[in-house]
Every structure is written in C-alpha cells, then in structure tokens.
Amino acid sequence: MVPRYFFHFSDGKRRFSDAQGVELNGMASARAHAIRQVRDLKAAMCDPGIQDLSGWSMTVVDADDHIIFETGFDLKVTSAGG
C-alpha cells in the first residue's frame, strides 16, 4: 500500500489545507514533492512587493494527520521529532 501525504500551507495566520493529498512512495518522495510545491508557490508570488513569504511554511502530514515534517519557505526541513 502506497502512503498518502497531505501538504498544508500556512502564512502564519491562516492554514490552507490539502484535502486530497498525494500517494507517494515514502519520505524521500514526500520531501521532493514538498520542495517542488514550495518552489512553485514562491515562483508564482515572486514579487516581494506583493507578498512577503518569510512567515510561510508547509506542514506535511500522513493519512492519520500525524505531522511527518515541516519546512519554511527557506526550505529548511524540521522533522516531526525535532
């Protein structure tokens, strides 16, 4: 069975939930997917006058809503355990 991961974004005030999730072949694939999503969003909001992304983060959770890891938009990953 392939695990499903959910990629939630936050701007520090609001949470933008991923209700569908993505089936991926494990943690390495989930991290790669998260990095692509963050880079795509940063590219879409590249004008610093429009959006300051310094407070944005992504939380990746499993199907049971357990946090797998978090990353800021600087792409520094924090594992769930520390």
PDB file of N, CA and C in Angstrom:
ATOM      1  N   MET A   1       0.847  -1.185   0.000  1.00  0.00           N
ATOM      2  CA  MET A   1       0.000   0.000   0.000  1.00  0.00           C
ATOM      3  C   MET A   1       0.894   1.251   0.000  1.00  0.00           C
ATOM      4  N   VAL A   2       0.593   2.160  -0.894  1.00  0.00           N
ATOM      5  CA  VAL A   2       1.366   3.394  -1.030  1.00  0.00           C
ATOM      6  C   VAL A   2       0.788   4.437  -0.066  1.00  0.00           C
ATOM      7  N   PRO A   3       1.642   5.046   0.762  1.00  0.00           N
ATOM      8  CA  PRO A   3       1.125   6.040   1.707  1.00  0.00           C
ATOM      9  C   PRO A   3       0.657   7.322   1.020  1.00  0.00           C
ATOM     10  N   ARG A   4      -0.324   7.967   1.637  1.00  0.00           N
ATOM     11  CA  ARG A   4      -0.845   9.246   1.153  1.00  0.00           C
ATOM     12  C   ARG A   4      -0.353  10.335   2.105  1.00  0.00           C
ATOM     13  N   TYR A   5       0.163  11.393   1.519  1.00  0.00           N
ATOM     14  CA  TYR A   5       0.653  12.540   2.273  1.00  0.00           C
ATOM     15  C   TYR A   5      -0.174  13.771   1.914  1.00  0.00           C
ATOM     16  N   PHE A   6      -0.339  14.653   2.895  1.00  0.00           N
ATOM     17  CA  PHE A   6      -1.101  15.880   2.716  1.00  0.00           C
ATOM     18  C   PHE A   6      -0.172  17.055   2.985  1.00  0.00           C
ATOM     19  N   PHE A   7      -0.240  18.078   2.143  1.00  0.00           N
ATOM     20  CA  PHE A   7       0.689  19.201   2.152  1.00  0.00           C
ATOM     21  C   PHE A   7      -0.082  20.485   2.465  1.00  0.00           C
ATOM     22  N   HIS A   8      -0.042  20.903   3.730  1.00  0.00           N
ATOM     23  CA  HIS A   8      -0.775  22.080   4.195  1.00  0.00           C
ATOM     24  C   HIS A   8       0.165  23.287   4.225  1.00  0.00           C
ATOM     25  N   PHE A   9      -0.306  24.412   3.716  1.00  0.00           N
ATOM     26  CA  PHE A   9       0.448  25.660   3.735  1.00  0.00           C
ATOM     27  C   PHE A   9      -0.115  26.577   4.811  1.00  0.00           C
ATOM     28  N   SER A  10       0.751  27.419   5.361  1.00  0.00           N
ATOM     29  CA  SER A  10       0.310  28.442   6.296  1.00  0.00           C
ATOM     30  C   SER A  10       1.099  29.717   6.040  1.00  0.00           C
ATOM     31  N   ASP A  11       0.411  30.851   6.188  1.00  0.00           N
ATOM     32  CA  ASP A  11       1.101  32.141   6.083  1.00  0.00           C
ATOM     33  C   ASP A  11       1.417  32.690   7.465  1.00  0.00           C
ATOM     34  N   GLY A  12       1.249  31.860   8.487  1.00  0.00           N
ATOM     35  CA  GLY A  12       1.476  32.271   9.864  1.00  0.00           C
ATOM     36  C   GLY A  12       0.196  32.686  10.566  1.00  0.00           C
ATOM     37  N   LYS A  13      -0.841  32.954   9.784  1.00  0.00           N
ATOM     38  CA  LYS A  13      -2.136  33.352  10.341  1.00  0.00           C
ATOM     39  C   LYS A  13      -3.246  32.398   9.910  1.00  0.00           C
ATOM     40  N   ARG A  14      -3.178  31.990   8.651  1.00  0.00           N
ATOM     41  CA  ARG A  14      -4.208  31.114   8.084  1.00  0.00           C
ATOM     42  C   ARG A  14      -3.569  29.821   7.609  1.00  0.00           C
ATOM     43  N   ARG A  15      -4.363  28.752   7.602  1.00  0.00           N
ATOM     44  CA  ARG A  15      -3.902  27.464   7.080  1.00  0.00           C
ATOM     45  C   ARG A  15      -4.686  27.147   5.819  1.00  0.00           C
ATOM     46  N   PHE A  16      -3.958  26.740   4.797  1.00  0.00           N
ATOM     47  CA  PHE A  16      -4.558  26.345   3.530  1.00  0.00           C
ATOM     48  C   PHE A  16      -4.405  24.835   3.428  1.00  0.00           C
ATOM     49  N   SER A  17      -5.510  24.124   3.638  1.00  0.00           N
ATOM     50  CA  SER A  17      -5.463  22.669   3.765  1.00  0.00           C
ATOM     51  C   SER A  17      -5.503  21.958   2.426  1.00  0.00           C
ATOM     52  N   ASP A  18      -4.774  20.888   2.369  1.00  0.00           N
ATOM     53  CA  ASP A  18      -4.758  19.977   1.227  1.00  0.00           C
ATOM     54  C   ASP A  18      -5.702  18.831   1.573  1.00  0.00           C
ATOM     55  N   ALA A  19      -6.886  18.826   1.004  1.00  0.00           N
ATOM     56  CA  ALA A  19      -7.883  17.809   1.320  1.00  0.00           C
ATOM     57  C   ALA A  19      -7.690  16.517   0.530  1.00  0.00           C
ATOM     58  N   GLN A  20      -6.996  16.590  -0.608  1.00  0.00           N
ATOM     59  CA  GLN A  20      -6.830  15.416  -1.466  1.00  0.00           C
ATOM     60  C   GLN A  20      -5.608  14.595  -1.120  1.00  0.00           C
ATOM     61  N   GLY A  21      -4.491  15.259  -0.898  1.00  0.00           N
ATOM     62  CA  GLY A  21      -3.249  14.542  -0.658  1.00  0.00           C
ATOM     63  C   GLY A  21      -2.712  13.904  -1.923  1.00  0.00           C
ATOM     64  N   VAL A  22      -1.555  13.274  -1.771  1.00  0.00           N
ATOM     65  CA  VAL A  22      -0.882  12.638  -2.900  1.00  0.00           C
ATOM     66  C   VAL A  22      -0.303  11.314  -2.418  1.00  0.00           C
ATOM     67  N   GLU A  23      -0.498  10.262  -3.190  1.00  0.00           N
ATOM     68  CA  GLU A  23       0.138   8.981  -2.881  1.00  0.00           C
ATOM     69  C   GLU A  23       1.574   9.014  -3.377  1.00  0.00           C
ATOM     70  N   LEU A  24       2.509   8.750  -2.460  1.00  0.00           N
ATOM     71  CA  LEU A  24       3.932   8.783  -2.785  1.00  0.00           C
ATOM     72  C   LEU A  24       4.621   7.574  -2.158  1.00  0.00           C
ATOM     73  N   ASN A  25       5.770   7.237  -2.693  1.00  0.00           N
ATOM     74  CA  ASN A  25       6.482   6.033  -2.274  1.00  0.00           C
ATOM     75  C   ASN A  25       7.353   6.213  -1.043  1.00  0.00           C
ATOM     76  N   GLY A  26       6.986   7.077  -0.120  1.00  0.00           N
ATOM     77  CA  GLY A  26       7.728   7.213   1.118  1.00  0.00           C
ATOM     78  C   GLY A  26       8.234   8.616   1.371  1.00  0.00           C
ATOM     79  N   MET A  27       9.037   8.725   2.429  1.00  0.00           N
ATOM     80  CA  MET A  27       9.502  10.019   2.934  1.00  0.00           C
ATOM     81  C   MET A  27      10.316  10.801   1.905  1.00  0.00           C
ATOM     82  N   ALA A  28      11.228  10.157   1.200  1.00  0.00           N
ATOM     83  CA  ALA A  28      12.054  10.878   0.216  1.00  0.00           C
ATOM     84  C   ALA A  28      11.183  11.487  -0.876  1.00  0.00           C
ATOM     85  N   SER A  29      10.200  10.755  -1.334  1.00  0.00           N
ATOM     86  CA  SER A  29       9.288  11.276  -2.355  1.00  0.00           C
ATOM     87  C   SER A  29       8.433  12.413  -1.802  1.00  0.00           C
ATOM     88  N   ALA A  30       8.015  12.302  -0.538  1.00  0.00           N
ATOM     89  CA  ALA A  30       7.218  13.364   0.089  1.00  0.00           C
ATOM     90  C   ALA A  30       8.046  14.639   0.227  1.00  0.00           C
ATOM     91  N   ARG A  31       9.308  14.514   0.606  1.00  0.00           N
ATOM     92  CA  ARG A  31      10.174  15.698   0.724  1.00  0.00           C
ATOM     93  C   ARG A  31      10.388  16.353  -0.641  1.00  0.00           C
ATOM     94  N   ALA A  32      10.636  15.543  -1.660  1.00  0.00           N
ATOM     95  CA  ALA A  32      10.838  16.082  -3.008  1.00  0.00           C
ATOM     96  C   ALA A  32       9.579  16.794  -3.491  1.00  0.00           C
ATOM     97  N   HIS A  33       8.419  16.212  -3.229  1.00  0.00           N
ATOM     98  CA  HIS A  33       7.149  16.824  -3.629  1.00  0.00           C
ATOM     99  C   HIS A  33       6.943  18.155  -2.886  1.00  0.00           C
ATOM    100  N   ALA A  34       7.247  18.185  -1.595  1.00  0.00           N
ATOM    101  CA  ALA A  34       7.105  19.400  -0.803  1.00  0.00           C
ATOM    102  C   ALA A  34       8.005  20.507  -1.347  1.00  0.00           C
ATOM    103  N   ILE A  35       9.239  20.173  -1.669  1.00  0.00           N
ATOM    104  CA  ILE A  35      10.179  21.169  -2.197  1.00  0.00           C
ATOM    105  C   ILE A  35       9.668  21.735  -3.518  1.00  0.00           C
ATOM    106  N   ARG A  36       9.149  20.875  -4.395  1.00  0.00           N
ATOM    107  CA  ARG A  36       8.591  21.347  -5.665  1.00  0.00           C
ATOM    108  C   ARG A  36       7.418  22.291  -5.426  1.00  0.00           C
ATOM    109  N   GLN A  37       6.535  21.928  -4.492  1.00  0.00           N
ATOM    110  CA  GLN A  37       5.364  22.781  -4.223  1.00  0.00           C
ATOM    111  C   GLN A  37       5.777  24.139  -3.685  1.00  0.00           C
ATOM    112  N   VAL A  38       6.738  24.154  -2.757  1.00  0.00           N
ATOM    113  CA  VAL A  38       7.193  25.428  -2.194  1.00  0.00           C
ATOM    114  C   VAL A  38       7.837  26.277  -3.283  1.00  0.00           C
ATOM    115  N   ARG A  39       8.681  25.676  -4.092  1.00  0.00           N
ATOM    116  CA  ARG A  39       9.332  26.436  -5.172  1.00  0.00           C
ATOM    117  C   ARG A  39       8.317  26.975  -6.161  1.00  0.00           C
ATOM    118  N   ASP A  40       7.319  26.176  -6.509  1.00  0.00           N
ATOM    119  CA  ASP A  40       6.281  26.634  -7.439  1.00  0.00           C
ATOM    120  C   ASP A  40       5.494  27.810  -6.862  1.00  0.00           C
ATOM    121  N   LEU A  41       5.143  27.737  -5.588  1.00  0.00           N
ATOM    122  CA  LEU A  41       4.400  28.826  -4.970  1.00  0.00           C
ATOM    123  C   LEU A  41       5.262  30.076  -4.863  1.00  0.00           C
ATOM    124  N   LYS A  42       6.530  29.919  -4.494  1.00  0.00           N
ATOM    125  CA  LYS A  42       7.423  31.073  -4.418  1.00  0.00           C
ATOM    126  C   LYS A  42       7.573  31.732  -5.787  1.00  0.00           C
ATOM    127  N   ALA A  43       7.669  30.938  -6.838  1.00  0.00           N
ATOM    128  CA  ALA A  43       7.797  31.486  -8.188  1.00  0.00           C
ATOM    129  C   ALA A  43       6.532  32.241  -8.587  1.00  0.00           C
ATOM    130  N   ALA A  44       5.383  31.732  -8.189  1.00  0.00           N
ATOM    131  CA  ALA A  44       4.119  32.386  -8.528  1.00  0.00           C
ATOM    132  C   ALA A  44       3.943  33.699  -7.768  1.00  0.00           C
ATOM    133  N   MET A  45       4.628  33.831  -6.640  1.00  0.00           N
ATOM    134  CA  MET A  45       4.497  35.024  -5.803  1.00  0.00           C
ATOM    135  C   MET A  45       5.853  35.706  -5.663  1.00  0.00           C
ATOM    136  N   CYS A  46       6.589  35.818  -6.763  1.00  0.00           N
ATOM    137  CA  CYS A  46       7.985  36.257  -6.713  1.00  0.00           C
ATOM    138  C   CYS A  46       8.173  37.745  -6.471  1.00  0.00           C
ATOM    139  N   ASP A  47       7.171  38.551  -6.649  1.00  0.00           N
ATOM    140  CA  ASP A  47       7.313  39.988  -6.431  1.00  0.00           C
ATOM    141  C   ASP A  47       7.234  40.277  -4.933  1.00  0.00           C
ATOM    142  N   PRO A  48       8.354  40.667  -4.282  1.00  0.00           N
ATOM    143  CA  PRO A  48       8.330  40.897  -2.839  1.00  0.00           C
ATOM    144  C   PRO A  48       7.376  42.006  -2.419  1.00  0.00           C
ATOM    145  N   GLY A  49       7.032  42.892  -3.325  1.00  0.00           N
ATOM    146  CA  GLY A  49       6.060  43.932  -3.015  1.00  0.00           C
ATOM    147  C   GLY A  49       4.654  43.385  -2.869  1.00  0.00           C
ATOM    148  N   ILE A  50       4.404  42.255  -3.478  1.00  0.00           N
ATOM    149  CA  ILE A  50       3.083  41.635  -3.415  1.00  0.00           C
ATOM    150  C   ILE A  50       2.944  40.771  -2.173  1.00  0.00           C
ATOM    151  N   GLN A  51       3.973  39.991  -1.867  1.00  0.00           N
ATOM    152  CA  GLN A  51       3.843  39.013  -0.802  1.00  0.00           C
ATOM    153  C   GLN A  51       5.177  38.762  -0.123  1.00  0.00           C
ATOM    154  N   ASP A  52       5.242  38.944   1.172  1.00  0.00           N
ATOM    155  CA  ASP A  52       6.393  38.569   1.971  1.00  0.00           C
ATOM    156  C   ASP A  52       6.190  37.120   2.397  1.00  0.00           C
ATOM    157  N   LEU A  53       7.038  36.223   1.919  1.00  0.00           N
ATOM    158  CA  LEU A  53       6.870  34.798   2.196  1.00  0.00           C
ATOM    159  C   LEU A  53       7.667  34.321   3.403  1.00  0.00           C
ATOM    160  N   SER A  54       8.286  35.233   4.152  1.00  0.00           N
ATOM    161  CA  SER A  54       9.144  34.824   5.259  1.00  0.00           C
ATOM    162  C   SER A  54       8.384  34.087   6.360  1.00  0.00           C
ATOM    163  N   GLY A  55       7.112  34.354   6.534  1.00  0.00           N
ATOM    164  CA  GLY A  55       6.323  33.683   7.563  1.00  0.00           C
ATOM    165  C   GLY A  55       5.605  32.438   7.086  1.00  0.00           C
ATOM    166  N   TRP A  56       5.770  32.098   5.821  1.00  0.00           N
ATOM    167  CA  TRP A  56       5.061  30.947   5.256  1.00  0.00           C
ATOM    168  C   TRP A  56       5.774  29.648   5.592  1.00  0.00           C
ATOM    169  N   SER A  57       4.981  28.584   5.723  1.00  0.00           N
ATOM    170  CA  SER A  57       5.542  27.258   5.982  1.00  0.00           C
ATOM    171  C   SER A  57       4.626  26.194   5.385  1.00  0.00           C
ATOM    172  N   MET A  58       5.154  24.991   5.306  1.00  0.00           N
ATOM    173  CA  MET A  58       4.377  23.841   4.860  1.00  0.00           C
ATOM    174  C   MET A  58       4.505  22.754   5.915  1.00  0.00           C
ATOM    175  N   THR A  59       3.385  22.157   6.258  1.00  0.00           N
ATOM    176  CA  THR A  59       3.367  21.014   7.158  1.00  0.00           C
ATOM    177  C   THR A  59       2.891  19.814   6.357  1.00  0.00           C
ATOM    178  N   VAL A  60       3.654  18.736   6.414  1.00  0.00           N
ATOM    179  CA  VAL A  60       3.310  17.508   5.708  1.00  0.00           C
ATOM    180  C   VAL A  60       2.830  16.497   6.748  1.00  0.00           C
ATOM    181  N   VAL A  61       1.642  15.967   6.512  1.00  0.00           N
ATOM    182  CA  VAL A  61       1.059  15.002   7.442  1.00  0.00           C
ATOM    183  C   VAL A  61       0.707  13.718   6.700  1.00  0.00           C
ATOM    184  N   ASP A  62       0.572  12.637   7.473  1.00  0.00           N
ATOM    185  CA  ASP A  62       0.173  11.367   6.874  1.00  0.00           C
ATOM    186  C   ASP A  62      -1.351  11.244   6.908  1.00  0.00           C
ATOM    187  N   ALA A  63      -1.867  10.099   6.489  1.00  0.00           N
ATOM    188  CA  ALA A  63      -3.316   9.891   6.401  1.00  0.00           C
ATOM    189  C   ALA A  63      -3.997   9.948   7.763  1.00  0.00           C
ATOM    190  N   ASP A  64      -3.231   9.742   8.841  1.00  0.00           N
ATOM    191  CA  ASP A  64      -3.778   9.824  10.200  1.00  0.00           C
ATOM    192  C   ASP A  64      -3.602  11.211  10.810  1.00  0.00           C
ATOM    193  N   ASP A  65      -3.182  12.181  10.000  1.00  0.00           N
ATOM    194  CA  ASP A  65      -2.966  13.573  10.399  1.00  0.00           C
ATOM    195  C   ASP A  65      -1.805  13.737  11.378  1.00  0.00           C
ATOM    196  N   HIS A  66      -0.847  12.802  11.350  1.00  0.00           N
ATOM    197  CA  HIS A  66       0.372  12.936  12.140  1.00  0.00           C
ATOM    198  C   HIS A  66       1.380  13.750  11.324  1.00  0.00           C
ATOM    199  N   ILE A  67       2.008  14.716  11.972  1.00  0.00           N
ATOM    200  CA  ILE A  67       2.995  15.546  11.281  1.00  0.00           C
ATOM    201  C   ILE A  67       4.223  14.706  10.952  1.00  0.00           C
ATOM    202  N   ILE A  68       4.593  14.710   9.683  1.00  0.00           N
ATOM    203  CA  ILE A  68       5.776  13.996   9.212  1.00  0.00           C
ATOM    204  C   ILE A  68       6.981  14.932   9.232  1.00  0.00           C
ATOM    205  N   PHE A  69       6.811  16.122   8.679  1.00  0.00           N
ATOM    206  CA  PHE A  69       7.832  17.155   8.763  1.00  0.00           C
ATOM    207  C   PHE A  69       7.227  18.493   8.392  1.00  0.00           C
ATOM    208  N   GLU A  70       7.980  19.545   8.710  1.00  0.00           N
ATOM    209  CA  GLU A  70       7.584  20.911   8.372  1.00  0.00           C
ATOM    210  C   GLU A  70       8.759  21.587   7.700  1.00  0.00           C
ATOM    211  N   THR A  71       8.456  22.555   6.845  1.00  0.00           N
ATOM    212  CA  THR A  71       9.510  23.343   6.222  1.00  0.00           C
ATOM    213  C   THR A  71       9.032  24.774   6.054  1.00  0.00           C
ATOM    214  N   GLY A  72       9.942  25.698   6.291  1.00  0.00           N
ATOM    215  CA  GLY A  72       9.665  27.083   5.976  1.00  0.00           C
ATOM    216  C   GLY A  72       9.891  27.291   4.492  1.00  0.00           C
ATOM    217  N   PHE A  73       9.551  28.433   3.996  1.00  0.00           N
ATOM    218  CA  PHE A  73       9.750  28.686   2.575  1.00  0.00           C
ATOM    219  C   PHE A  73      11.213  28.954   2.247  1.00  0.00           C
ATOM    220  N   ASP A  74      12.081  28.885   3.284  1.00  0.00           N
ATOM    221  CA  ASP A  74      13.520  28.885   3.062  1.00  0.00           C
ATOM    222  C   ASP A  74      14.002  27.457   2.782  1.00  0.00           C
ATOM    223  N   LEU A  75      13.066  26.494   2.843  1.00  0.00           N
ATOM    224  CA  LEU A  75      13.269  25.070   2.561  1.00  0.00           C
ATOM    225  C   LEU A  75      14.165  24.374   3.578  1.00  0.00           C
ATOM    226  N   LYS A  76      14.232  24.893   4.801  1.00  0.00           N
ATOM    227  CA  LYS A  76      14.906  24.193   5.904  1.00  0.00           C
ATOM    228  C   LYS A  76      13.871  23.290   6.547  1.00  0.00           C
ATOM    229  N   VAL A  77      14.111  21.981   6.468  1.00  0.00           N
ATOM    230  CA  VAL A  77      13.145  20.980   6.938  1.00  0.00           C
ATOM    231  C   VAL A  77      13.348  20.691   8.415  1.00  0.00           C
ATOM    232  N   THR A  78      12.227  20.624   9.142  1.00  0.00           N
ATOM    233  CA  THR A  78      12.225  20.210  10.538  1.00  0.00           C
ATOM    234  C   THR A  78      11.438  18.928  10.631  1.00  0.00           C
ATOM    235  N   SER A  79      12.072  17.862  11.111  1.00  0.00           N
ATOM    236  CA  SER A  79      11.371  16.585  11.282  1.00  0.00           C
ATOM    237  C   SER A  79      10.386  16.679  12.420  1.00  0.00           C
ATOM    238  N   ALA A  80       9.416  15.797  12.418  1.00  0.00           N
ATOM    239  CA  ALA A  80       8.388  15.797  13.458  1.00  0.00           C
ATOM    240  C   ALA A  80       9.005  15.588  14.838  1.00  0.00           C
ATOM    241  N   GLY A  81      10.076  14.845  14.929  1.00  0.00           N
ATOM    242  CA  GLY A  81      10.703  14.553  16.220  1.00  0.00           C
ATOM    243  C   GLY A  81      11.639  15.636  16.705  1.00  0.00           C
ATOM    244  N   GLY A  82      11.858  16.711  15.928  1.00  0.00           N
ATOM    245  CA  GLY A  82      12.767  17.743  16.420  1.00  0.00           C
ATOM    246  C   GLY A  82      13.391  18.463  15.365  1.00  0.00           C
TER     247      GLY A  82
END
